[in-house]
Amino acid sequence: MRRGGGVLMHISSLPGPFGIGVFGEEAIAFAKQLADQGMKYWQVLPFSYPGMGNSPYQSFSAFAGNWLFIDPRRLMKRGLLTPNEVVDAEYSQNKWRIDYDYLRTARDEMLRKAFDRCDAKTLKEVDKFLDENHWAADVAAYQTVKDDNFGKPWWEWSDDRLKNYDPKAVSELKGSVNYKYHAFVQYLFVTEWTEVKKEINDLGISIIGDMPIYVSGDSADVWASREMFKMAAPSKVNKILSDYEKAMAKFRKESEKAEGKTEELKEPSKPKPEALVFDKVAGVPPDYFTADGQLWGNPIYDWKKMKSTGYSWWIKRIEMNFMLYDYLRIDHFRAFSSYWEVDADAETAKFGEWCKGPGLEFFDVMDKNGVDRSRLIAEDLGEVTPDLAEFMSKVNIPGMRVMEFAFNPGDDSSFMPHNFDKDCIAYTGTHDNNTLLGWLWDSPENVRNFCLEYCGFTGDNWGDGGTRSGSCRAIIRTLWMSHANVAIIPIQDMLGYGGDTRMNVPGTPTGNWAVRFTREDLDSIDNEWYRNLNRLYYR
C-alpha cells in the first residue's frame, strides 16, 4: 500500500437526516474533506447487516449488505419513492445515536413501498443481479423463510425440507414476492454503493473494508453450506438429550423425596440450542484481561472439507469483498494459522484447544485463483504465539500496530512507533479501543506520562479535548512521523472526543455500534492542520 494517511469511520456514523449514515451526499462530502486534508484512505467496518447487539461482526450473511445504508433520496431519483416518503424517512430525535429498533421496521416498510413500484426493467436488472451473484439467491431464500418463521433460527424452522436446505424446496421459493423483494434490496445496496464508491475513488480516496473471520450460526451461509462447518453428529445430540433427560429424572425423584423443600435442589439447565446443532464454536482463551476467555459462539469451519472444494466458498467471499472495497482487513487473521475452539455446549471459552488452521496453503490457493494478496490486511492483534509469528513472516500480508497498546514503561514493544515496520497499518486505536482522549484519562499515570513524553507533549493541559487538543495532536503527529506506510486515526481522535463516543466496548452486549457525528462536528476539524501533516511526512 502506498504511503498515506486515513480515517476510520463507519458509514453508519456519517451525519444526515435519516437516523443513520447512508450511501448519499454526506459520504461524498466526507470523502471530499479527506481529499482536502491530503488523506488517501477511508477505513470502514463490515458492510454486513448488524446482528446480535447491533454488531456488524454478527450478521446473518457473510455476503449480504446492510440495507439501512440505502439512501432514500437515490430511490426518489429512480422514481421508487415520492418526495413526501423521503421526508417521512427522516429521523431527527437523536443526531448522535442510532435507534436500530426503529430503523429496522421503518426502513423495511420504506423499501417495500419502493419494491411495489418496480417496473419490468428494474425487475429484469434484479434477475440479472441474481444470476451474477449466486450468494444473493441463498440470502433471499433464507430471509424469505425466516420471515415466514417469525425470525426463528433456521434449525427451528417448521418445514423440514427448508430447514435442511432441500434444493427443490428452496427453488420453489423463487417465485414468491418476498423472495424477489429481498433480492431487490441486495441489488439496491450493491448498485448504490458501486455508484458512490466510484465518486470516492475519483477523489483519490481508497476504501479499506473489514471482514469478520467467522460467520454467525444462524446465517444463510451455514444454512446453505453446513457441510463446510463442524456440525454436531446425531450421536452427540442424542447423548446430550439423553444426559439431560437422566438429570431431569433424578431431579424429579429427589424433589419428590424432599416433600416440597426443594430450595437446595438445582434443576438441570436445558441444553444450549447451539449444542444440538454445532460440534465446536469459536472464541479466544483466557488472558490477562479475561479469566474465562471470550466465547464468541460462531461455528468452526471444517477446513478439510473446504480444502477438498479448493476453498471455493472463501474465494467467492473475498472476491465479493474486493468488489466492495479497495483493500480488505481480515479480522482475527490468526485463525488461518491456529484457532481456539471449544465445545458448543461450553459456558465459557476457558476449556478448549488450539487447532491448526489451513496455513500458507490457503493463500497459495488464493494466489492460483487470482486473488490479489496485496489488497489484504491482517488483523494480527492479541497474543503473539511462535506459530503466529512464523506464519506472519511468511504470508507476506501487512499487519496492524496500535499506539494505545504501546506505552507500558520499560516494555519496548512492537507497538512503539520507532519499532513499526514499513509494511504495516498503524493506528492510534481501533473501533474496539477507547478514544485517544478517553484512553489518556483512563490510563495509569505512569503510562500516560510515558506516552506524552515520548510524543513530545509538554504542559499540564493533556486532558483538554476537541479538534485542537494538544495531547491528541502530539500523539497523532508521532504516528504520522513513523515508518508505517499507512497511518489511520478513528474519527473520534480527529475530533478529540472522549470515551463516551467510542464505537465498541468488547465484552459488553449492548450500547455499542450506535455512535454518529453531525455535520457541525466534521466542519469543526482543522483540515489545514492535517493537510500540512500529510505534506510534512510525505503521506
Protein backbone atom coordinates (compact mmCIF):
# COMPACT_ATOMS: atom_id res chain seq x y z
CA MET A 1 0.00 0.00 0.00
CA ARG A 2 1.25 3.47 -0.84
CA ARG A 3 2.37 5.73 1.98
CA GLY A 4 -0.57 7.77 3.20
CA GLY A 5 -2.90 8.74 5.99
CA GLY A 6 -6.51 7.91 6.57
CA VAL A 7 -9.52 7.97 8.88
CA LEU A 8 -11.60 5.18 10.35
CA MET A 9 -15.32 5.95 10.36
CA HIS A 10 -18.14 3.56 9.56
CA ILE A 11 -20.87 4.57 7.11
CA SER A 12 -23.37 4.35 9.97
CA SER A 13 -21.61 7.21 11.79
CA LEU A 14 -21.96 9.70 8.96
CA PRO A 15 -24.21 12.73 9.53
CA GLY A 16 -27.52 13.03 7.71
CA PRO A 17 -31.27 13.22 8.18
CA PHE A 18 -32.15 9.51 8.17
CA GLY A 19 -31.13 8.31 11.64
CA ILE A 20 -28.06 6.51 10.28
CA GLY A 21 -25.39 7.30 7.71
CA VAL A 22 -26.30 6.29 4.15
CA PHE A 23 -24.73 5.97 0.71
CA GLY A 24 -25.56 9.57 -0.08
CA GLU A 25 -24.24 13.08 -0.40
CA GLU A 26 -22.81 13.00 3.13
CA ALA A 27 -20.48 10.14 2.18
CA ILE A 28 -19.25 12.07 -0.86
CA ALA A 29 -18.79 15.21 1.28
CA PHE A 30 -16.71 13.30 3.82
CA ALA A 31 -14.54 11.83 1.05
CA LYS A 32 -14.02 15.34 -0.32
CA GLN A 33 -12.98 16.50 3.14
CA LEU A 34 -10.47 13.66 3.38
CA ALA A 35 -9.09 14.56 -0.04
CA ASP A 36 -8.80 18.20 1.02
CA GLN A 37 -6.79 17.07 4.06
CA GLY A 38 -4.41 15.14 1.82
CA MET A 39 -5.66 11.77 3.09
CA LYS A 40 -5.56 8.69 0.90
CA TYR A 41 -7.65 6.16 2.86
CA TRP A 42 -11.11 5.85 4.36
CA GLN A 43 -11.50 2.76 6.53
CA VAL A 44 -14.95 1.38 7.31
CA LEU A 45 -16.34 -1.52 9.34
CA PRO A 46 -18.04 -4.56 7.75
CA PHE A 47 -20.92 -3.64 5.46
CA SER A 48 -22.86 -6.67 6.67
CA TYR A 49 -26.28 -6.23 8.24
CA PRO A 50 -25.95 -5.87 12.05
CA GLY A 51 -26.97 -8.85 14.14
CA MET A 52 -26.79 -9.61 17.85
CA GLY A 53 -26.05 -6.45 19.83
CA ASN A 54 -26.27 -4.47 16.55
CA SER A 55 -22.78 -5.70 15.69
CA PRO A 56 -21.73 -5.80 12.01
CA TYR A 57 -19.47 -8.69 13.04
CA GLN A 58 -22.51 -10.88 13.85
CA SER A 59 -24.56 -10.88 10.66
CA PHE A 60 -27.00 -13.28 9.01
CA SER A 61 -24.78 -13.34 5.92
CA ALA A 62 -21.11 -13.03 5.05
CA PHE A 63 -22.12 -11.60 1.66
CA ALA A 64 -25.28 -9.51 2.09
CA GLY A 65 -25.12 -5.76 2.67
CA ASN A 66 -26.71 -3.56 5.31
CA TRP A 67 -29.82 -2.15 3.64
CA LEU A 68 -30.07 0.57 6.32
CA PHE A 69 -27.34 2.30 4.26
CA ILE A 70 -29.58 2.62 1.20
CA ASP A 71 -30.21 6.33 0.51
CA PRO A 72 -33.92 7.24 0.23
CA ARG A 73 -33.01 10.24 -1.97
CA ARG A 74 -31.46 7.96 -4.58
CA LEU A 75 -34.63 5.86 -4.54
CA MET A 76 -36.62 9.03 -5.23
CA LYS A 77 -34.39 9.80 -8.23
CA ARG A 78 -35.16 6.29 -9.51
CA GLY A 79 -38.88 7.07 -9.22
CA LEU A 80 -39.34 4.48 -6.45
CA LEU A 81 -40.21 6.91 -3.65
CA THR A 82 -42.11 10.20 -3.55
CA PRO A 83 -40.63 13.37 -2.02
CA ASN A 84 -43.04 13.06 0.90
CA GLU A 85 -41.91 9.49 1.55
CA VAL A 86 -38.30 10.67 1.65
CA VAL A 87 -39.28 13.26 4.25
CA ASP A 88 -41.11 10.53 6.18
CA ALA A 89 -37.86 8.53 6.25
CA GLU A 90 -36.10 11.30 8.17
CA TYR A 91 -35.39 10.78 11.87
CA SER A 92 -34.49 13.78 13.99
CA GLN A 93 -34.95 12.57 17.57
CA ASN A 94 -31.23 11.93 18.10
CA LYS A 95 -28.40 13.11 15.81
CA TRP A 96 -25.67 11.34 17.78
CA ARG A 97 -27.05 7.82 18.35
CA ILE A 98 -28.63 5.20 16.07
CA ASP A 99 -32.02 3.77 17.00
CA TYR A 100 -31.71 0.36 15.37
CA ASP A 101 -35.06 -0.95 16.63
CA TYR A 102 -36.91 1.91 14.96
CA LEU A 103 -34.88 1.83 11.76
CA ARG A 104 -35.28 -1.90 11.17
CA THR A 105 -39.05 -1.53 10.95
CA ALA A 106 -39.18 1.86 9.25
CA ARG A 107 -36.65 1.02 6.53
CA ASP A 108 -38.30 -2.29 5.75
CA GLU A 109 -41.63 -0.51 5.23
CA MET A 110 -39.96 2.12 3.04
CA LEU A 111 -38.13 -0.42 0.89
CA ARG A 112 -41.27 -2.49 0.38
CA LYS A 113 -43.01 0.64 -0.96
CA ALA A 114 -40.10 1.12 -3.37
CA PHE A 115 -40.28 -2.52 -4.44
CA ASP A 116 -44.00 -2.25 -5.18
CA ARG A 117 -43.18 0.47 -7.75
CA CYS A 118 -40.54 -1.55 -9.62
CA ASP A 119 -41.12 -1.69 -13.35
CA ALA A 120 -40.28 -4.62 -15.62
CA LYS A 121 -36.88 -3.13 -16.48
CA THR A 122 -35.83 -2.94 -12.80
CA LEU A 123 -37.08 -6.45 -12.08
CA LYS A 124 -35.07 -7.70 -15.08
CA GLU A 125 -31.97 -5.99 -13.59
CA VAL A 126 -32.65 -7.78 -10.29
CA ASP A 127 -32.82 -11.12 -12.10
CA LYS A 128 -29.50 -10.34 -13.81
CA PHE A 129 -28.02 -9.42 -10.41
CA LEU A 130 -29.13 -12.81 -9.04
CA ASP A 131 -27.53 -14.60 -12.00
CA GLU A 132 -24.23 -12.78 -11.47
CA ASN A 133 -24.21 -13.05 -7.66
CA HIS A 134 -25.24 -16.57 -6.66
CA TRP A 135 -24.90 -15.75 -2.93
CA ALA A 136 -27.84 -13.38 -3.30
CA ALA A 137 -30.18 -16.27 -4.14
CA ASP A 138 -29.41 -18.04 -0.87
CA VAL A 139 -29.75 -14.77 1.05
CA ALA A 140 -33.16 -14.04 -0.50
CA ALA A 141 -34.33 -17.61 0.18
CA TYR A 142 -33.05 -17.58 3.76
CA GLN A 143 -34.75 -14.27 4.57
CA THR A 144 -37.99 -15.37 2.94
CA VAL A 145 -38.23 -18.49 5.10
CA LYS A 146 -37.09 -16.61 8.19
CA ASP A 147 -39.91 -14.11 7.68
CA ASP A 148 -42.38 -16.99 7.44
CA ASN A 149 -40.99 -18.44 10.70
CA PHE A 150 -41.23 -15.21 12.70
CA GLY A 151 -37.47 -14.72 12.86
CA LYS A 152 -36.62 -18.11 14.39
CA PRO A 153 -33.14 -19.57 13.68
CA TRP A 154 -33.01 -21.91 10.71
CA TRP A 155 -32.73 -25.04 12.88
CA GLU A 156 -36.16 -24.25 14.36
CA TRP A 157 -38.00 -23.75 11.06
CA SER A 158 -41.26 -25.65 10.76
CA ASP A 159 -40.74 -27.09 7.27
CA ASP A 160 -38.09 -29.82 7.48
CA ARG A 161 -37.37 -29.59 3.76
CA LEU A 162 -36.50 -25.91 4.02
CA LYS A 163 -34.75 -26.35 7.36
CA ASN A 164 -32.49 -28.94 5.75
CA TYR A 165 -31.97 -26.91 2.57
CA ASP A 166 -33.71 -29.26 0.19
CA PRO A 167 -32.76 -27.85 -3.26
CA LYS A 168 -36.23 -28.40 -4.75
CA ALA A 169 -37.98 -26.72 -1.82
CA VAL A 170 -35.55 -23.79 -1.91
CA SER A 171 -36.02 -23.41 -5.67
CA GLU A 172 -39.78 -23.19 -5.19
CA LEU A 173 -39.28 -20.02 -3.14
CA LYS A 174 -38.01 -18.11 -6.15
CA GLY A 175 -41.48 -17.43 -7.43
CA SER A 176 -42.62 -15.66 -4.26
CA VAL A 177 -42.97 -11.89 -3.97
CA ASN A 178 -40.99 -11.83 -0.71
CA TYR A 179 -38.07 -13.63 -2.36
CA LYS A 180 -37.96 -11.02 -5.13
CA TYR A 181 -38.18 -8.25 -2.54
CA HIS A 182 -35.14 -9.45 -0.61
CA ALA A 183 -33.20 -9.88 -3.86
CA PHE A 184 -34.23 -6.35 -4.87
CA VAL A 185 -32.89 -4.93 -1.59
CA GLN A 186 -29.46 -6.51 -2.12
CA TYR A 187 -29.45 -5.29 -5.72
CA LEU A 188 -30.12 -1.75 -4.46
CA PHE A 189 -27.38 -1.99 -1.85
CA VAL A 190 -24.72 -3.10 -4.32
CA THR A 191 -25.70 -0.69 -7.11
CA GLU A 192 -25.91 2.34 -4.79
CA TRP A 193 -22.54 1.62 -3.19
CA THR A 194 -20.93 0.98 -6.60
CA GLU A 195 -22.03 4.45 -7.71
CA VAL A 196 -20.86 6.12 -4.50
CA LYS A 197 -17.56 4.25 -4.36
CA LYS A 198 -16.68 5.37 -7.89
CA GLU A 199 -17.13 9.01 -6.87
CA ILE A 200 -15.00 8.44 -3.76
CA ASN A 201 -12.25 6.70 -5.75
CA ASP A 202 -12.30 9.51 -8.33
CA LEU A 203 -11.36 11.87 -5.48
CA GLY A 204 -8.21 9.81 -4.85
CA ILE A 205 -9.56 8.07 -1.74
CA SER A 206 -9.24 4.29 -1.38
CA ILE A 207 -11.70 2.34 0.76
CA ILE A 208 -10.30 -0.07 3.37
CA GLY A 209 -13.01 -2.58 4.25
CA ASP A 210 -13.33 -5.13 7.03
CA MET A 211 -14.30 -8.81 7.00
CA PRO A 212 -15.02 -10.93 10.08
CA ILE A 213 -13.14 -14.24 10.06
CA TYR A 214 -16.21 -16.20 11.24
CA VAL A 215 -19.89 -16.24 10.30
CA SER A 216 -22.91 -16.45 12.57
CA GLY A 217 -24.51 -19.82 13.27
CA ASP A 218 -27.94 -18.56 12.31
CA SER A 219 -26.94 -17.36 8.87
CA ALA A 220 -27.63 -18.02 5.23
CA ASP A 221 -24.02 -19.21 4.94
CA VAL A 222 -24.35 -22.08 7.42
CA TRP A 223 -27.91 -22.91 6.39
CA ALA A 224 -26.94 -23.31 2.72
CA SER A 225 -23.43 -24.75 3.20
CA ARG A 226 -23.45 -26.55 6.54
CA GLU A 227 -21.14 -29.25 5.17
CA MET A 228 -18.41 -26.57 5.39
CA PHE A 229 -18.77 -26.30 9.18
CA LYS A 230 -18.27 -28.59 12.17
CA MET A 231 -21.87 -29.64 12.82
CA ALA A 232 -23.00 -31.80 15.71
CA ALA A 233 -23.17 -35.51 14.92
CA PRO A 234 -26.52 -37.20 15.65
CA SER A 235 -24.83 -39.45 18.22
CA LYS A 236 -23.58 -36.42 20.14
CA VAL A 237 -27.00 -34.76 20.02
CA ASN A 238 -28.66 -37.94 21.29
CA LYS A 239 -26.17 -38.18 24.16
CA ILE A 240 -26.76 -34.54 25.18
CA LEU A 241 -30.52 -35.07 25.19
CA SER A 242 -30.20 -38.42 26.97
CA ASP A 243 -27.96 -36.94 29.68
CA TYR A 244 -30.44 -34.10 30.16
CA GLU A 245 -33.38 -36.49 30.49
CA LYS A 246 -31.47 -38.58 33.04
CA ALA A 247 -30.57 -35.46 35.02
CA MET A 248 -34.20 -34.31 34.96
CA ALA A 249 -35.44 -37.73 36.08
CA LYS A 250 -33.01 -37.65 39.00
CA PHE A 251 -34.09 -34.10 39.86
CA ARG A 252 -37.79 -35.05 39.83
CA LYS A 253 -37.10 -38.07 42.03
CA GLU A 254 -35.11 -36.02 44.54
CA SER A 255 -37.81 -33.35 44.52
CA GLU A 256 -40.44 -35.92 45.48
CA LYS A 257 -38.29 -37.14 48.37
CA ALA A 258 -37.73 -33.59 49.57
CA GLU A 259 -41.50 -33.23 50.09
CA GLY A 260 -41.66 -29.74 48.69
CA LYS A 261 -38.47 -28.47 50.35
CA THR A 262 -36.51 -28.02 47.15
CA GLU A 263 -34.53 -24.88 47.96
CA GLU A 264 -31.23 -26.77 47.90
CA LEU A 265 -32.05 -28.64 44.72
CA LYS A 266 -30.99 -27.17 41.39
CA GLU A 267 -32.91 -28.01 38.25
CA PRO A 268 -30.60 -29.11 35.42
CA SER A 269 -30.06 -26.50 32.73
CA LYS A 270 -31.60 -27.22 29.37
CA PRO A 271 -29.07 -27.98 26.63
CA LYS A 272 -27.97 -24.89 24.70
CA PRO A 273 -29.78 -24.96 21.34
CA GLU A 274 -26.47 -24.36 19.56
CA ALA A 275 -25.05 -27.52 21.16
CA LEU A 276 -27.70 -29.54 19.34
CA VAL A 277 -26.60 -28.00 16.03
CA PHE A 278 -22.85 -27.38 16.18
CA ASP A 279 -19.99 -29.53 17.36
CA LYS A 280 -17.46 -26.78 18.09
CA VAL A 281 -17.63 -23.00 18.36
CA ALA A 282 -15.10 -20.17 18.26
CA GLY A 283 -13.57 -17.96 20.91
CA VAL A 284 -10.26 -16.98 22.44
CA PRO A 285 -8.64 -18.50 25.54
CA PRO A 286 -8.17 -16.80 28.92
CA ASP A 287 -5.64 -13.99 29.02
CA TYR A 288 -4.55 -11.11 31.24
CA PHE A 289 -7.86 -9.32 30.66
CA THR A 290 -10.40 -12.18 30.70
CA ALA A 291 -10.08 -15.07 33.14
CA ASP A 292 -12.61 -17.17 31.22
CA GLY A 293 -11.57 -16.12 27.74
CA GLN A 294 -14.12 -14.88 25.21
CA LEU A 295 -16.82 -17.28 23.98
CA TRP A 296 -17.92 -15.92 20.61
CA GLY A 297 -20.12 -18.89 19.72
CA ASN A 298 -19.55 -18.81 15.95
CA PRO A 299 -19.41 -22.22 14.25
CA ILE A 300 -15.99 -23.55 13.31
CA TYR A 301 -15.01 -24.18 9.70
CA ASP A 302 -14.38 -27.72 8.53
CA TRP A 303 -11.10 -26.81 6.86
CA LYS A 304 -10.58 -30.32 5.44
CA LYS A 305 -13.88 -30.11 3.61
CA MET A 306 -13.13 -26.58 2.43
CA LYS A 307 -9.76 -27.74 1.10
CA SER A 308 -11.46 -30.53 -0.86
CA THR A 309 -13.53 -27.88 -2.70
CA GLY A 310 -10.49 -25.75 -3.48
CA TYR A 311 -11.66 -23.22 -0.88
CA SER A 312 -14.32 -22.11 -3.37
CA TRP A 313 -16.56 -20.57 -0.68
CA TRP A 314 -13.67 -18.43 0.56
CA ILE A 315 -12.66 -17.39 -2.95
CA LYS A 316 -16.19 -16.18 -3.65
CA ARG A 317 -16.30 -14.39 -0.31
CA ILE A 318 -13.06 -12.50 -0.85
CA GLU A 319 -14.00 -11.67 -4.45
CA MET A 320 -17.27 -10.17 -3.19
CA ASN A 321 -15.41 -8.08 -0.64
CA PHE A 322 -12.93 -6.91 -3.27
CA MET A 323 -15.90 -5.63 -5.24
CA LEU A 324 -16.96 -3.54 -2.24
CA TYR A 325 -13.54 -2.32 -1.07
CA ASP A 326 -10.13 -1.43 -2.47
CA TYR A 327 -8.34 -3.10 0.46
CA LEU A 328 -9.65 -5.69 2.90
CA ARG A 329 -8.78 -6.08 6.56
CA ILE A 330 -9.47 -9.64 7.78
CA ASP A 331 -10.47 -9.72 11.43
CA HIS A 332 -8.84 -12.34 13.72
CA PHE A 333 -6.42 -13.22 10.95
CA ARG A 334 -4.51 -15.56 13.25
CA ALA A 335 -7.22 -18.21 12.77
CA PHE A 336 -5.65 -19.05 9.41
CA SER A 337 -2.60 -20.16 11.39
CA SER A 338 -4.26 -21.59 14.52
CA TYR A 339 -7.59 -21.02 16.24
CA TRP A 340 -9.18 -21.71 19.61
CA GLU A 341 -12.21 -23.99 19.61
CA VAL A 342 -14.47 -25.12 22.44
CA ASP A 343 -17.40 -27.49 22.72
CA ALA A 344 -20.65 -25.92 21.59
CA ASP A 345 -22.26 -26.62 24.98
CA ALA A 346 -19.49 -24.85 26.92
CA GLU A 347 -20.46 -21.94 29.15
CA THR A 348 -17.09 -20.16 28.75
CA ALA A 349 -14.07 -20.33 26.47
CA LYS A 350 -11.83 -21.38 29.34
CA PHE A 351 -11.56 -25.02 28.30
CA GLY A 352 -10.72 -25.53 24.67
CA GLU A 353 -7.81 -26.32 22.42
CA TRP A 354 -5.66 -24.73 19.76
CA CYS A 355 -6.22 -26.26 16.34
CA LYS A 356 -4.25 -25.78 13.15
CA GLY A 357 -5.79 -23.56 10.51
CA PRO A 358 -5.31 -24.00 6.76
CA GLY A 359 -1.97 -22.18 6.89
CA LEU A 360 0.04 -20.90 3.96
CA GLU A 361 -1.53 -23.42 1.60
CA PHE A 362 -4.78 -21.45 1.80
CA PHE A 363 -3.06 -18.34 0.42
CA ASP A 364 -1.22 -20.35 -2.23
CA VAL A 365 -4.63 -21.49 -3.50
CA MET A 366 -5.88 -17.90 -3.36
CA ASP A 367 -2.89 -16.83 -5.48
CA LYS A 368 -3.58 -19.54 -8.06
CA ASN A 369 -7.19 -18.34 -8.32
CA GLY A 370 -6.21 -14.74 -8.97
CA VAL A 371 -6.93 -13.35 -5.51
CA ASP A 372 -4.68 -10.30 -5.12
CA ARG A 373 -2.89 -10.81 -1.80
CA SER A 374 -1.54 -7.24 -1.93
CA ARG A 375 -5.04 -5.96 -1.21
CA LEU A 376 -5.28 -7.81 2.13
CA ILE A 377 -4.55 -6.53 5.65
CA ALA A 378 -4.11 -8.90 8.60
CA GLU A 379 -5.66 -8.05 11.96
CA ASP A 380 -2.90 -9.77 13.91
CA LEU A 381 -3.52 -8.22 17.33
CA GLY A 382 -3.66 -10.16 20.58
CA GLU A 383 -1.26 -12.72 21.97
CA VAL A 384 1.58 -13.49 19.56
CA THR A 385 2.45 -17.18 19.71
CA PRO A 386 5.54 -18.66 17.96
CA ASP A 387 3.43 -20.28 15.25
CA LEU A 388 1.68 -16.97 14.52
CA ALA A 389 4.95 -15.05 14.33
CA GLU A 390 6.35 -17.57 11.86
CA PHE A 391 3.14 -17.59 9.84
CA MET A 392 3.02 -13.77 9.58
CA SER A 393 6.66 -13.66 8.48
CA LYS A 394 5.87 -15.98 5.56
CA VAL A 395 2.36 -14.95 4.49
CA ASN A 396 3.57 -11.51 3.30
CA ILE A 397 0.44 -9.57 4.29
CA PRO A 398 0.80 -6.35 6.31
CA GLY A 399 -0.29 -6.50 9.94
CA MET A 400 -1.51 -3.87 12.40
CA ARG A 401 0.10 -1.75 15.11
CA VAL A 402 -1.88 0.19 17.72
CA MET A 403 -0.30 3.02 19.72
CA GLU A 404 -2.67 2.63 22.67
CA PHE A 405 -1.01 -0.75 23.32
CA ALA A 406 2.49 0.70 23.33
CA PHE A 407 3.32 2.71 26.42
CA ASN A 408 3.96 0.34 29.29
CA PRO A 409 7.16 1.79 30.80
CA GLY A 410 10.13 -0.46 30.24
CA ASP A 411 8.43 -2.51 27.51
CA ASP A 412 9.98 -1.80 24.10
CA SER A 413 7.06 -3.43 22.30
CA SER A 414 6.31 -3.73 18.59
CA PHE A 415 3.53 -1.18 19.11
CA MET A 416 6.06 1.59 19.83
CA PRO A 417 6.20 3.81 16.73
CA HIS A 418 10.00 3.53 16.43
CA ASN A 419 9.53 -0.24 16.04
CA PHE A 420 6.90 -0.07 13.28
CA ASP A 421 7.69 -1.96 10.11
CA LYS A 422 7.29 -0.03 6.91
CA ASP A 423 4.80 -2.60 5.66
CA CYS A 424 2.15 -2.25 8.35
CA ILE A 425 -1.07 -0.34 9.07
CA ALA A 426 -0.62 1.78 12.21
CA TYR A 427 -3.39 3.25 14.35
CA THR A 428 -3.84 5.39 17.41
CA GLY A 429 -6.66 2.96 18.28
CA THR A 430 -9.23 0.77 16.54
CA HIS A 431 -13.02 0.55 16.79
CA ASP A 432 -12.54 -1.75 19.81
CA ASN A 433 -10.33 0.71 21.69
CA ASN A 434 -11.20 3.68 23.81
CA THR A 435 -10.87 7.02 22.05
CA LEU A 436 -7.43 8.62 22.34
CA LEU A 437 -8.66 11.24 24.80
CA GLY A 438 -10.62 8.65 26.77
CA TRP A 439 -7.54 6.42 26.89
CA LEU A 440 -5.40 9.26 28.24
CA TRP A 441 -7.91 9.88 31.01
CA ASP A 442 -8.30 6.19 31.90
CA SER A 443 -4.63 5.14 31.71
CA PRO A 444 -2.41 4.80 34.79
CA GLU A 445 -0.42 7.96 35.39
CA ASN A 446 2.93 6.35 34.53
CA VAL A 447 1.59 5.06 31.20
CA ARG A 448 0.07 8.41 30.31
CA ASN A 449 3.20 10.34 31.26
CA PHE A 450 5.42 8.00 29.26
CA CYS A 451 3.18 8.40 26.20
CA LEU A 452 3.10 12.20 26.45
CA GLU A 453 6.85 12.43 26.95
CA TYR A 454 7.50 10.07 24.02
CA CYS A 455 5.23 12.16 21.79
CA GLY A 456 6.81 15.45 22.85
CA PHE A 457 3.82 16.92 24.62
CA THR A 458 4.62 19.43 27.36
CA GLY A 459 2.27 21.27 29.65
CA ASP A 460 -0.38 20.30 32.15
CA ASN A 461 -3.43 20.54 29.88
CA TRP A 462 -3.18 16.98 28.49
CA GLY A 463 -6.86 16.41 29.34
CA ASP A 464 -8.18 19.11 27.02
CA GLY A 465 -10.31 17.70 24.23
CA GLY A 466 -11.64 18.99 20.94
CA THR A 467 -10.23 19.12 17.44
CA ARG A 468 -7.26 21.23 18.57
CA SER A 469 -6.40 19.09 21.61
CA GLY A 470 -2.65 19.46 22.15
CA SER A 471 -2.17 15.98 23.58
CA CYS A 472 -4.15 14.23 20.83
CA ARG A 473 -2.31 16.19 18.16
CA ALA A 474 1.08 15.27 19.63
CA ILE A 475 0.21 11.56 19.51
CA ILE A 476 -1.24 11.79 16.00
CA ARG A 477 1.84 13.66 14.78
CA THR A 478 4.07 10.93 16.24
CA LEU A 479 2.05 8.30 14.38
CA TRP A 480 2.33 10.26 11.13
CA MET A 481 6.13 10.53 11.55
CA SER A 482 6.53 6.76 11.78
CA HIS A 483 7.88 4.36 9.15
CA ALA A 484 4.46 2.72 8.72
CA ASN A 485 3.25 3.11 5.15
CA VAL A 486 -0.34 3.65 6.29
CA ALA A 487 -1.41 5.64 9.35
CA ILE A 488 -5.08 5.61 10.38
CA ILE A 489 -6.94 7.50 13.10
CA PRO A 490 -10.55 6.95 14.17
CA ILE A 491 -12.76 9.98 13.52
CA GLN A 492 -13.18 10.30 17.31
CA ASP A 493 -9.45 11.01 17.65
CA MET A 494 -9.53 13.54 14.83
CA LEU A 495 -12.32 15.29 16.75
CA GLY A 496 -10.56 14.90 20.11
CA TYR A 497 -13.66 13.37 21.70
CA GLY A 498 -13.87 11.34 24.91
CA GLY A 499 -14.72 7.75 25.73
CA ASP A 500 -18.46 8.39 25.54
CA THR A 501 -18.09 8.35 21.73
CA ARG A 502 -16.20 5.07 21.36
CA MET A 503 -17.67 2.64 18.89
CA ASN A 504 -17.43 -0.63 20.82
CA VAL A 505 -16.54 -1.93 24.25
CA PRO A 506 -15.62 -5.62 23.75
CA GLY A 507 -17.44 -7.99 26.07
CA THR A 508 -20.44 -5.70 26.57
CA PRO A 509 -23.57 -6.95 24.77
CA THR A 510 -25.47 -3.66 24.48
CA GLY A 511 -24.87 0.02 23.83
CA ASN A 512 -22.33 -0.40 21.03
CA TRP A 513 -22.11 0.43 17.31
CA ALA A 514 -24.53 3.36 17.63
CA VAL A 515 -22.29 6.47 17.61
CA ARG A 516 -22.88 9.14 14.97
CA PHE A 517 -21.44 12.56 14.23
CA THR A 518 -23.06 15.73 12.90
CA ARG A 519 -22.13 17.96 10.02
CA GLU A 520 -21.09 20.55 12.61
CA ASP A 521 -18.72 18.00 14.20
CA LEU A 522 -16.98 17.33 10.89
CA ASP A 523 -16.91 21.02 9.94
CA SER A 524 -15.04 21.78 13.17
CA ILE A 525 -12.00 19.73 12.07
CA ASP A 526 -8.91 21.77 11.16
CA ASN A 527 -8.42 20.48 7.63
CA GLU A 528 -5.36 22.67 7.08
CA TRP A 529 -3.54 21.09 10.05
CA TYR A 530 -3.98 17.62 8.57
CA ARG A 531 -3.09 18.83 5.09
CA ASN A 532 0.17 20.19 6.45
CA LEU A 533 0.77 16.98 8.45
CA ASN A 534 0.43 14.86 5.32
CA ARG A 535 2.72 17.21 3.39
CA LEU A 536 5.41 17.22 6.09
CA TYR A 537 5.59 13.45 6.45
CA TYR A 538 5.06 12.58 2.78
CA ARG A 539 1.68 10.99 3.28
